[in-house]
Amino acid sequence: MPGNEVKIRAARPGDLAEMVDMLKLLFTIEEEFRIDYARQERGLSLLLGSPRSVVLAAEADGKVVGMVTGQLVISTSEGAPSLWAEDLVVDPAWRNQGIGRRLMAAVAEWAVKHGATRLQLLVDQSNDTGKAFHQRIGYELTRMTCMRKYPD
């Protein structure tokens, strides 16, 4: 869609349906997650309502064509807030136009304004395209491995 202006802005509650559709695209790549409309809508609503998080939308022609979320956590190693960026996804028809780069720059700018001294994210091990993208924009692989457990 070259030639159409893409605006990066704070997401709004009215964007929820489009953003859940964006997450469906992402979750087809990331094998760890399953598509569950109600859960994803609830999660996005919680993020929209929290002062320690941000949801950004890339909008073109009145339609959400990309998104990213970010949350602040306190890092003991940094002694300061740290950003957890997640859910970066761009509609396939709009890829390779710098939208993902702009979304990540905007979420980083928000984080720095809120005191973050480190930016971090998780990328599915099988998502070679995602890993390459994040490395191109300055993210480094670490020796840390994510682990999880659901409460009993």
N, C-alpha and C. Protein backbone atom coordinates (compact mmCIF):
# COMPACT_ATOMS: atom_id res chain seq x y z
N MET A 1 0.79 -1.18 0.00
CA MET A 1 0.00 0.00 0.00
C MET A 1 0.85 1.27 0.00
N PRO A 2 1.94 1.29 -0.74
CA PRO A 2 2.79 2.48 -0.77
C PRO A 2 1.98 3.72 -1.14
N GLY A 3 2.41 4.83 -0.58
CA GLY A 3 1.73 6.08 -0.87
C GLY A 3 0.68 6.44 0.16
N ASN A 4 0.18 5.49 0.90
CA ASN A 4 -0.79 5.77 1.94
C ASN A 4 -0.04 6.15 3.22
N GLU A 5 -0.51 7.21 3.87
CA GLU A 5 0.15 7.65 5.09
C GLU A 5 -0.18 6.72 6.24
N VAL A 6 0.84 6.31 6.97
CA VAL A 6 0.68 5.46 8.14
C VAL A 6 1.01 6.30 9.37
N LYS A 7 0.07 6.35 10.30
CA LYS A 7 0.22 7.12 11.53
C LYS A 7 0.39 6.15 12.69
N ILE A 8 1.38 6.40 13.53
CA ILE A 8 1.56 5.62 14.76
C ILE A 8 0.90 6.42 15.88
N ARG A 9 -0.01 5.77 16.58
CA ARG A 9 -0.78 6.46 17.62
C ARG A 9 -1.10 5.50 18.76
N ALA A 10 -1.54 6.07 19.88
CA ALA A 10 -2.01 5.25 20.99
C ALA A 10 -3.27 4.52 20.54
N ALA A 11 -3.36 3.26 20.87
CA ALA A 11 -4.55 2.47 20.54
C ALA A 11 -5.71 2.93 21.41
N ARG A 12 -6.92 2.68 20.91
CA ARG A 12 -8.15 3.06 21.60
C ARG A 12 -9.02 1.82 21.78
N PRO A 13 -9.95 1.86 22.74
CA PRO A 13 -10.85 0.71 22.91
C PRO A 13 -11.57 0.32 21.62
N GLY A 14 -11.88 1.27 20.77
CA GLY A 14 -12.54 0.97 19.51
C GLY A 14 -11.68 0.18 18.54
N ASP A 15 -10.38 0.06 18.83
CA ASP A 15 -9.45 -0.70 17.97
C ASP A 15 -9.38 -2.17 18.35
N LEU A 16 -10.03 -2.57 19.45
CA LEU A 16 -9.84 -3.91 19.99
C LEU A 16 -10.08 -5.02 18.97
N ALA A 17 -11.17 -4.97 18.23
CA ALA A 17 -11.46 -6.05 17.27
C ALA A 17 -10.36 -6.16 16.22
N GLU A 18 -9.91 -5.04 15.69
CA GLU A 18 -8.84 -5.08 14.69
C GLU A 18 -7.53 -5.58 15.28
N MET A 19 -7.25 -5.18 16.53
CA MET A 19 -6.01 -5.61 17.15
C MET A 19 -6.04 -7.11 17.47
N VAL A 20 -7.18 -7.63 17.87
CA VAL A 20 -7.28 -9.08 18.09
C VAL A 20 -7.04 -9.81 16.77
N ASP A 21 -7.56 -9.27 15.69
CA ASP A 21 -7.29 -9.87 14.38
C ASP A 21 -5.79 -9.83 14.06
N MET A 22 -5.12 -8.75 14.45
CA MET A 22 -3.67 -8.66 14.25
C MET A 22 -2.96 -9.74 15.08
N LEU A 23 -3.42 -9.95 16.31
CA LEU A 23 -2.81 -10.98 17.16
C LEU A 23 -3.01 -12.37 16.56
N LYS A 24 -4.13 -12.60 15.89
CA LYS A 24 -4.35 -13.88 15.22
C LYS A 24 -3.25 -14.13 14.19
N LEU A 25 -2.87 -13.09 13.46
CA LEU A 25 -1.77 -13.22 12.49
C LEU A 25 -0.48 -13.62 13.20
N LEU A 26 -0.20 -12.94 14.31
CA LEU A 26 1.02 -13.21 15.06
C LEU A 26 1.02 -14.61 15.65
N PHE A 27 -0.10 -15.03 16.20
CA PHE A 27 -0.16 -16.32 16.88
C PHE A 27 -0.13 -17.50 15.91
N THR A 28 -0.32 -17.25 14.63
CA THR A 28 -0.12 -18.33 13.66
C THR A 28 1.37 -18.58 13.44
N ILE A 29 2.20 -17.60 13.78
CA ILE A 29 3.66 -17.74 13.66
C ILE A 29 4.24 -18.28 14.97
N GLU A 30 3.78 -17.76 16.09
CA GLU A 30 4.32 -18.11 17.40
C GLU A 30 3.56 -19.30 17.97
N GLU A 31 4.20 -20.44 17.93
CA GLU A 31 3.57 -21.71 18.30
C GLU A 31 3.20 -21.81 19.78
N GLU A 32 3.77 -20.97 20.62
CA GLU A 32 3.53 -21.02 22.06
C GLU A 32 2.10 -20.62 22.43
N PHE A 33 1.46 -19.85 21.57
CA PHE A 33 0.19 -19.25 21.95
C PHE A 33 -0.95 -19.79 21.11
N ARG A 34 -2.15 -19.79 21.71
CA ARG A 34 -3.31 -20.21 20.95
C ARG A 34 -4.25 -19.02 20.78
N ILE A 35 -4.95 -19.03 19.70
CA ILE A 35 -5.87 -17.95 19.41
C ILE A 35 -7.15 -18.15 20.23
N ASP A 36 -7.48 -17.16 21.04
CA ASP A 36 -8.68 -17.17 21.87
C ASP A 36 -9.15 -15.72 21.94
N TYR A 37 -10.13 -15.39 21.11
CA TYR A 37 -10.56 -14.00 20.96
C TYR A 37 -10.84 -13.34 22.30
N ALA A 38 -11.60 -13.99 23.17
CA ALA A 38 -11.98 -13.38 24.45
C ALA A 38 -10.76 -13.09 25.31
N ARG A 39 -9.80 -14.01 25.35
CA ARG A 39 -8.60 -13.79 26.16
C ARG A 39 -7.76 -12.65 25.60
N GLN A 40 -7.57 -12.65 24.28
CA GLN A 40 -6.76 -11.60 23.69
C GLN A 40 -7.43 -10.23 23.86
N GLU A 41 -8.74 -10.17 23.71
CA GLU A 41 -9.45 -8.90 23.91
C GLU A 41 -9.33 -8.45 25.36
N ARG A 42 -9.45 -9.38 26.30
CA ARG A 42 -9.31 -9.05 27.72
C ARG A 42 -7.90 -8.55 28.02
N GLY A 43 -6.91 -9.23 27.48
CA GLY A 43 -5.53 -8.81 27.70
C GLY A 43 -5.25 -7.41 27.16
N LEU A 44 -5.72 -7.15 25.95
CA LEU A 44 -5.53 -5.82 25.37
C LEU A 44 -6.26 -4.76 26.19
N SER A 45 -7.45 -5.08 26.66
CA SER A 45 -8.21 -4.13 27.49
C SER A 45 -7.46 -3.82 28.78
N LEU A 46 -6.88 -4.84 29.40
CA LEU A 46 -6.09 -4.61 30.62
C LEU A 46 -4.90 -3.71 30.34
N LEU A 47 -4.22 -3.95 29.21
CA LEU A 47 -3.09 -3.10 28.85
C LEU A 47 -3.53 -1.65 28.61
N LEU A 48 -4.65 -1.49 27.90
CA LEU A 48 -5.15 -0.13 27.62
C LEU A 48 -5.49 0.61 28.91
N GLY A 49 -5.89 -0.11 29.94
CA GLY A 49 -6.30 0.52 31.18
C GLY A 49 -5.20 0.71 32.20
N SER A 50 -4.00 0.29 31.89
CA SER A 50 -2.91 0.36 32.87
C SER A 50 -1.97 1.54 32.58
N PRO A 51 -1.63 2.32 33.61
CA PRO A 51 -0.68 3.41 33.39
C PRO A 51 0.76 2.92 33.18
N ARG A 52 1.01 1.65 33.44
CA ARG A 52 2.36 1.09 33.28
C ARG A 52 2.51 0.34 31.96
N SER A 53 1.55 0.54 31.06
CA SER A 53 1.63 -0.13 29.77
C SER A 53 1.17 0.80 28.66
N VAL A 54 1.51 0.40 27.44
CA VAL A 54 1.11 1.16 26.26
C VAL A 54 0.76 0.18 25.15
N VAL A 55 -0.24 0.53 24.38
CA VAL A 55 -0.58 -0.22 23.17
C VAL A 55 -0.57 0.80 22.04
N LEU A 56 0.26 0.55 21.05
CA LEU A 56 0.37 1.47 19.93
C LEU A 56 -0.19 0.81 18.67
N ALA A 57 -0.87 1.61 17.87
CA ALA A 57 -1.44 1.13 16.62
C ALA A 57 -0.82 1.90 15.46
N ALA A 58 -0.59 1.20 14.37
CA ALA A 58 -0.24 1.83 13.11
C ALA A 58 -1.53 1.89 12.31
N GLU A 59 -1.93 3.09 11.93
CA GLU A 59 -3.21 3.26 11.24
C GLU A 59 -2.99 3.83 9.84
N ALA A 60 -3.69 3.26 8.88
CA ALA A 60 -3.69 3.77 7.51
C ALA A 60 -5.11 3.69 6.99
N ASP A 61 -5.58 4.75 6.40
CA ASP A 61 -6.93 4.79 5.84
C ASP A 61 -7.99 4.35 6.85
N GLY A 62 -7.81 4.75 8.13
CA GLY A 62 -8.78 4.43 9.17
C GLY A 62 -8.76 2.99 9.64
N LYS A 63 -7.74 2.23 9.26
CA LYS A 63 -7.66 0.80 9.61
C LYS A 63 -6.35 0.54 10.34
N VAL A 64 -6.41 -0.32 11.36
CA VAL A 64 -5.19 -0.72 12.07
C VAL A 64 -4.44 -1.72 11.19
N VAL A 65 -3.19 -1.36 10.84
CA VAL A 65 -2.38 -2.22 9.97
C VAL A 65 -1.15 -2.76 10.70
N GLY A 66 -1.01 -2.38 11.97
CA GLY A 66 0.11 -2.87 12.77
C GLY A 66 -0.09 -2.48 14.21
N MET A 67 0.65 -3.16 15.10
CA MET A 67 0.53 -2.86 16.52
C MET A 67 1.74 -3.36 17.28
N VAL A 68 1.90 -2.85 18.49
CA VAL A 68 2.89 -3.33 19.44
C VAL A 68 2.39 -2.98 20.84
N THR A 69 2.74 -3.80 21.82
CA THR A 69 2.41 -3.50 23.20
C THR A 69 3.71 -3.40 24.00
N GLY A 70 3.65 -2.64 25.08
CA GLY A 70 4.80 -2.52 25.96
C GLY A 70 4.34 -2.37 27.39
N GLN A 71 5.11 -2.97 28.31
CA GLN A 71 4.80 -2.89 29.73
C GLN A 71 6.08 -2.61 30.50
N LEU A 72 5.96 -1.82 31.54
CA LEU A 72 7.10 -1.56 32.40
C LEU A 72 7.14 -2.57 33.53
N VAL A 73 8.32 -3.11 33.78
CA VAL A 73 8.59 -3.96 34.94
C VAL A 73 9.78 -3.34 35.65
N ILE A 74 9.93 -3.64 36.92
CA ILE A 74 11.08 -3.14 37.66
C ILE A 74 12.19 -4.17 37.56
N SER A 75 13.34 -3.73 37.11
CA SER A 75 14.51 -4.60 36.99
C SER A 75 15.44 -4.37 38.16
N THR A 76 15.68 -5.41 38.94
CA THR A 76 16.65 -5.27 40.04
C THR A 76 18.06 -5.11 39.49
N SER A 77 18.37 -5.76 38.38
CA SER A 77 19.72 -5.62 37.82
C SER A 77 19.95 -4.21 37.30
N GLU A 78 18.92 -3.57 36.77
CA GLU A 78 19.05 -2.20 36.27
C GLU A 78 18.82 -1.17 37.37
N GLY A 79 18.08 -1.57 38.42
CA GLY A 79 17.70 -0.61 39.45
C GLY A 79 16.76 0.45 38.89
N ALA A 80 15.95 0.04 37.93
CA ALA A 80 15.08 0.99 37.22
C ALA A 80 14.02 0.20 36.46
N PRO A 81 13.03 0.91 35.92
CA PRO A 81 12.08 0.21 35.06
C PRO A 81 12.75 -0.33 33.80
N SER A 82 12.16 -1.39 33.28
CA SER A 82 12.60 -2.01 32.04
C SER A 82 11.35 -2.25 31.20
N LEU A 83 11.46 -2.11 29.91
CA LEU A 83 10.31 -2.33 29.03
C LEU A 83 10.26 -3.78 28.56
N TRP A 84 9.08 -4.38 28.65
CA TRP A 84 8.79 -5.65 27.97
C TRP A 84 7.95 -5.29 26.76
N ALA A 85 8.51 -5.41 25.58
CA ALA A 85 7.76 -5.18 24.34
C ALA A 85 7.24 -6.53 23.86
N GLU A 86 5.99 -6.54 23.41
CA GLU A 86 5.37 -7.77 22.92
C GLU A 86 4.43 -7.42 21.77
N ASP A 87 3.97 -8.46 21.13
CA ASP A 87 2.86 -8.37 20.18
C ASP A 87 3.13 -7.46 18.99
N LEU A 88 4.39 -7.35 18.56
CA LEU A 88 4.66 -6.58 17.35
C LEU A 88 4.17 -7.39 16.16
N VAL A 89 3.26 -6.80 15.41
CA VAL A 89 2.75 -7.46 14.21
C VAL A 89 2.30 -6.39 13.21
N VAL A 90 2.58 -6.66 11.95
CA VAL A 90 2.17 -5.77 10.86
C VAL A 90 1.43 -6.62 9.84
N ASP A 91 0.31 -6.10 9.36
CA ASP A 91 -0.47 -6.78 8.33
C ASP A 91 0.46 -7.12 7.15
N PRO A 92 0.40 -8.35 6.65
CA PRO A 92 1.31 -8.75 5.55
C PRO A 92 1.29 -7.80 4.35
N ALA A 93 0.15 -7.21 4.03
CA ALA A 93 0.07 -6.30 2.90
C ALA A 93 0.83 -5.00 3.14
N TRP A 94 1.17 -4.73 4.39
CA TRP A 94 1.83 -3.47 4.75
C TRP A 94 3.28 -3.68 5.20
N ARG A 95 3.79 -4.88 5.11
CA ARG A 95 5.15 -5.15 5.58
C ARG A 95 6.20 -4.57 4.62
N ASN A 96 7.41 -4.47 5.14
CA ASN A 96 8.56 -3.97 4.37
C ASN A 96 8.40 -2.50 3.98
N GLN A 97 7.72 -1.74 4.84
CA GLN A 97 7.57 -0.30 4.62
C GLN A 97 8.04 0.49 5.84
N GLY A 98 8.71 -0.18 6.77
CA GLY A 98 9.23 0.51 7.94
C GLY A 98 8.24 0.66 9.09
N ILE A 99 7.08 0.04 8.98
CA ILE A 99 6.06 0.19 10.03
C ILE A 99 6.50 -0.49 11.32
N GLY A 100 7.04 -1.69 11.24
CA GLY A 100 7.52 -2.38 12.43
C GLY A 100 8.62 -1.60 13.12
N ARG A 101 9.53 -1.07 12.34
CA ARG A 101 10.63 -0.25 12.88
C ARG A 101 10.05 0.98 13.59
N ARG A 102 9.07 1.63 12.98
CA ARG A 102 8.46 2.82 13.58
C ARG A 102 7.71 2.47 14.87
N LEU A 103 7.00 1.35 14.87
CA LEU A 103 6.30 0.92 16.08
C LEU A 103 7.28 0.66 17.21
N MET A 104 8.38 -0.04 16.91
CA MET A 104 9.36 -0.34 17.96
C MET A 104 10.06 0.93 18.45
N ALA A 105 10.30 1.88 17.56
CA ALA A 105 10.89 3.15 17.99
C ALA A 105 9.93 3.91 18.89
N ALA A 106 8.65 3.88 18.56
CA ALA A 106 7.66 4.60 19.36
C ALA A 106 7.48 3.98 20.74
N VAL A 107 7.48 2.65 20.82
CA VAL A 107 7.33 2.00 22.13
C VAL A 107 8.60 2.24 22.96
N ALA A 108 9.76 2.29 22.32
CA ALA A 108 11.00 2.59 23.04
C ALA A 108 10.98 4.02 23.56
N GLU A 109 10.50 4.94 22.75
CA GLU A 109 10.40 6.34 23.18
C GLU A 109 9.48 6.47 24.39
N TRP A 110 8.33 5.78 24.35
CA TRP A 110 7.41 5.79 25.50
C TRP A 110 8.13 5.26 26.74
N ALA A 111 8.86 4.16 26.58
CA ALA A 111 9.53 3.53 27.72
C ALA A 111 10.57 4.46 28.34
N VAL A 112 11.37 5.09 27.51
CA VAL A 112 12.40 6.00 28.02
C VAL A 112 11.76 7.16 28.75
N LYS A 113 10.66 7.69 28.22
CA LYS A 113 9.96 8.78 28.91
C LYS A 113 9.44 8.34 30.27
N HIS A 114 9.22 7.03 30.43
CA HIS A 114 8.74 6.49 31.70
C HIS A 114 9.87 5.88 32.54
N GLY A 115 11.12 6.24 32.23
CA GLY A 115 12.26 5.86 33.06
C GLY A 115 12.93 4.54 32.73
N ALA A 116 12.54 3.87 31.67
CA ALA A 116 13.14 2.57 31.35
C ALA A 116 14.59 2.75 30.91
N THR A 117 15.44 1.88 31.43
CA THR A 117 16.85 1.90 31.05
C THR A 117 17.24 0.69 30.21
N ARG A 118 16.30 -0.24 30.03
CA ARG A 118 16.55 -1.41 29.18
C ARG A 118 15.26 -1.75 28.45
N LEU A 119 15.41 -2.20 27.22
CA LEU A 119 14.29 -2.66 26.40
C LEU A 119 14.49 -4.13 26.15
N GLN A 120 13.44 -4.92 26.31
CA GLN A 120 13.57 -6.36 26.12
C GLN A 120 12.30 -6.92 25.50
N LEU A 121 12.43 -8.09 24.91
CA LEU A 121 11.30 -8.74 24.27
C LEU A 121 11.58 -10.22 24.14
N LEU A 122 10.52 -10.96 23.88
CA LEU A 122 10.64 -12.38 23.60
C LEU A 122 10.30 -12.61 22.14
N VAL A 123 11.03 -13.51 21.50
CA VAL A 123 10.75 -13.89 20.12
C VAL A 123 10.73 -15.40 20.07
N ASP A 124 9.72 -15.95 19.43
CA ASP A 124 9.63 -17.40 19.28
C ASP A 124 10.90 -17.92 18.61
N GLN A 125 11.45 -19.01 19.14
CA GLN A 125 12.69 -19.57 18.60
C GLN A 125 12.59 -19.92 17.13
N SER A 126 11.40 -20.27 16.65
CA SER A 126 11.25 -20.65 15.25
C SER A 126 10.97 -19.46 14.34
N ASN A 127 10.84 -18.27 14.91
CA ASN A 127 10.52 -17.08 14.12
C ASN A 127 11.81 -16.41 13.66
N ASP A 128 12.44 -16.99 12.67
CA ASP A 128 13.72 -16.46 12.16
C ASP A 128 13.55 -15.06 11.59
N THR A 129 12.43 -14.79 10.94
CA THR A 129 12.19 -13.46 10.39
C THR A 129 12.12 -12.43 11.50
N GLY A 130 11.39 -12.76 12.57
CA GLY A 130 11.27 -11.86 13.70
C GLY A 130 12.61 -11.61 14.39
N LYS A 131 13.36 -12.69 14.59
CA LYS A 131 14.68 -12.53 15.24
C LYS A 131 15.59 -11.65 14.39
N ALA A 132 15.60 -11.87 13.09
CA ALA A 132 16.45 -11.07 12.19
C ALA A 132 16.03 -9.60 12.21
N PHE A 133 14.72 -9.35 12.21
CA PHE A 133 14.22 -7.97 12.26
C PHE A 133 14.72 -7.28 13.52
N HIS A 134 14.52 -7.92 14.67
CA HIS A 134 14.90 -7.27 15.93
C HIS A 134 16.41 -7.08 16.02
N GLN A 135 17.19 -7.99 15.48
CA GLN A 135 18.64 -7.80 15.47
C GLN A 135 19.02 -6.62 14.58
N ARG A 136 18.34 -6.46 13.45
CA ARG A 136 18.62 -5.33 12.56
C ARG A 136 18.37 -3.99 13.25
N ILE A 137 17.41 -3.94 14.18
CA ILE A 137 17.12 -2.67 14.84
C ILE A 137 17.83 -2.56 16.19
N GLY A 138 18.80 -3.43 16.44
CA GLY A 138 19.68 -3.25 17.58
C GLY A 138 19.49 -4.17 18.77
N TYR A 139 18.53 -5.07 18.74
CA TYR A 139 18.35 -6.00 19.85
C TYR A 139 19.38 -7.12 19.73
N GLU A 140 19.82 -7.61 20.89
CA GLU A 140 20.81 -8.68 20.94
C GLU A 140 20.21 -9.92 21.59
N LEU A 141 20.61 -11.07 21.11
CA LEU A 141 20.24 -12.31 21.80
C LEU A 141 20.99 -12.36 23.12
N THR A 142 20.33 -12.88 24.16
CA THR A 142 20.99 -13.02 25.45
C THR A 142 21.13 -14.50 25.78
N ARG A 143 21.78 -14.77 26.88
CA ARG A 143 21.93 -16.16 27.31
C ARG A 143 20.74 -16.61 28.15
N MET A 144 19.81 -15.70 28.41
CA MET A 144 18.64 -16.02 29.23
C MET A 144 17.65 -16.86 28.42
N THR A 145 16.96 -17.74 29.12
CA THR A 145 15.91 -18.56 28.51
C THR A 145 14.63 -18.33 29.29
N CYS A 146 13.56 -18.14 28.58
CA CYS A 146 12.27 -17.94 29.23
C CYS A 146 11.73 -19.29 29.71
N MET A 147 11.20 -19.30 30.91
CA MET A 147 10.52 -20.49 31.45
C MET A 147 9.16 -20.01 31.95
N ARG A 148 8.20 -20.94 32.02
CA ARG A 148 6.89 -20.57 32.54
C ARG A 148 6.25 -21.73 33.26
N LYS A 149 5.29 -21.38 34.09
CA LYS A 149 4.47 -22.34 34.80
C LYS A 149 3.14 -21.68 35.08
N TYR A 150 2.08 -22.43 34.93
CA TYR A 150 0.75 -21.91 35.27
C TYR A 150 0.47 -22.30 36.72
N PRO A 151 -0.15 -21.41 37.50
CA PRO A 151 -0.43 -21.74 38.89
C PRO A 151 -1.37 -22.93 39.01
N ASP A 152 -1.17 -23.67 40.08
CA ASP A 152 -2.01 -24.85 40.33
C ASP A 152 -3.44 -24.46 40.61
